[in-house]
Protein backbone atom coordinates (compact mmCIF):
# COMPACT_ATOMS: atom_id res chain seq x y z
CA UNK A 1 0.00 0.00 0.00
CA UNK A 2 2.88 2.35 0.75
CA UNK A 3 4.47 1.55 -2.62
CA UNK A 4 1.22 2.47 -4.37
CA UNK A 5 1.04 5.69 -2.36
CA UNK A 6 4.62 6.56 -3.33
CA UNK A 7 3.80 5.88 -6.99
CA UNK A 8 0.70 8.10 -6.85
CA UNK A 9 2.62 10.92 -5.17
CA UNK A 10 5.40 10.59 -7.76
CA UNK A 11 2.82 10.86 -10.53
CA UNK A 12 1.33 13.89 -8.76
CA UNK A 13 4.70 15.66 -8.92
CA UNK A 14 4.99 15.03 -12.67
CA UNK A 15 1.33 15.68 -13.53
CA UNK A 16 0.07 18.49 -11.27
CA UNK A 17 -3.46 17.18 -11.01
CA UNK A 18 -5.39 17.01 -7.73
CA UNK A 19 -6.89 13.51 -8.04
CA UNK A 20 -3.43 11.89 -8.02
CA UNK A 21 -2.38 13.91 -4.97
CA UNK A 22 -5.60 13.19 -3.07
CA UNK A 23 -5.40 9.48 -3.89
CA UNK A 24 -1.74 9.31 -2.85
CA UNK A 25 -2.40 11.10 0.45
CA UNK A 26 -5.40 8.94 1.24
CA UNK A 27 -3.32 5.81 0.60
CA UNK A 28 -0.68 7.14 3.00
CA UNK A 29 -3.35 7.71 5.66
CA UNK A 30 -4.70 4.18 5.19
CA UNK A 31 -1.25 2.61 5.26
CA UNK A 32 -0.24 4.55 8.38
CA UNK A 33 -3.37 3.54 10.26
CA UNK A 34 -2.89 -0.05 9.11
CA UNK A 35 0.69 -0.03 10.40
CA UNK A 36 -0.38 1.39 13.76
CA UNK A 37 -3.13 -1.23 14.15
CA UNK A 38 -0.74 -4.04 13.18
CA UNK A 39 1.81 -2.86 15.76
CA UNK A 40 -0.89 -2.67 18.43
CA UNK A 41 -2.01 -6.24 17.75
CA UNK A 42 1.36 -7.91 17.15
CA UNK A 43 4.32 -5.77 18.23
CA UNK A 44 7.56 -6.16 16.32
CA UNK A 45 11.07 -5.86 17.82
CA UNK A 46 11.35 -2.24 16.64
CA UNK A 47 7.85 -1.17 17.67
CA UNK A 48 8.75 2.37 18.75
CA UNK A 49 10.53 3.26 15.48
CA UNK A 50 7.68 1.84 13.40
CA UNK A 51 5.06 3.74 15.40
CA UNK A 52 6.98 7.02 15.17
CA UNK A 53 7.40 6.61 11.41
CA UNK A 54 3.70 5.80 10.93
CA UNK A 55 2.66 8.80 13.05
CA UNK A 56 5.01 11.06 11.10
CA UNK A 57 3.52 9.88 7.80
CA UNK A 58 0.01 10.37 9.18
CA UNK A 59 0.75 13.94 10.34
CA UNK A 60 2.36 14.88 7.01
CA UNK A 61 -0.54 13.49 5.00
CA UNK A 62 -3.14 15.25 7.16
CA UNK A 63 -1.18 18.47 6.70
CA UNK A 64 -1.26 17.82 2.93
CA UNK A 65 -5.04 17.38 3.03
CA UNK A 66 -5.39 20.62 5.02
CA UNK A 67 -3.30 22.42 2.40
CA UNK A 68 -5.46 21.05 -0.43
CA UNK A 69 -8.65 22.13 1.37
CA UNK A 70 -7.19 25.58 2.01
CA UNK A 71 -6.41 26.10 -1.69
CA UNK A 72 -9.95 25.24 -2.81
């Protein structure tokens, strides 16, 4: 899911069209929440690093959505 999000965000940088950016950001939100749920259910050896990375991705994508809404 993260690879698809990266691909969509890469396409959004080449083709400045909002649907690609919105789709990429929504995939990042879904992947981040999925990672956080997975770590809550079955913790891995590097739980803290994974959680911090997922939270950072979630915050950045929510900021991206706020920026898109502000420009409308």
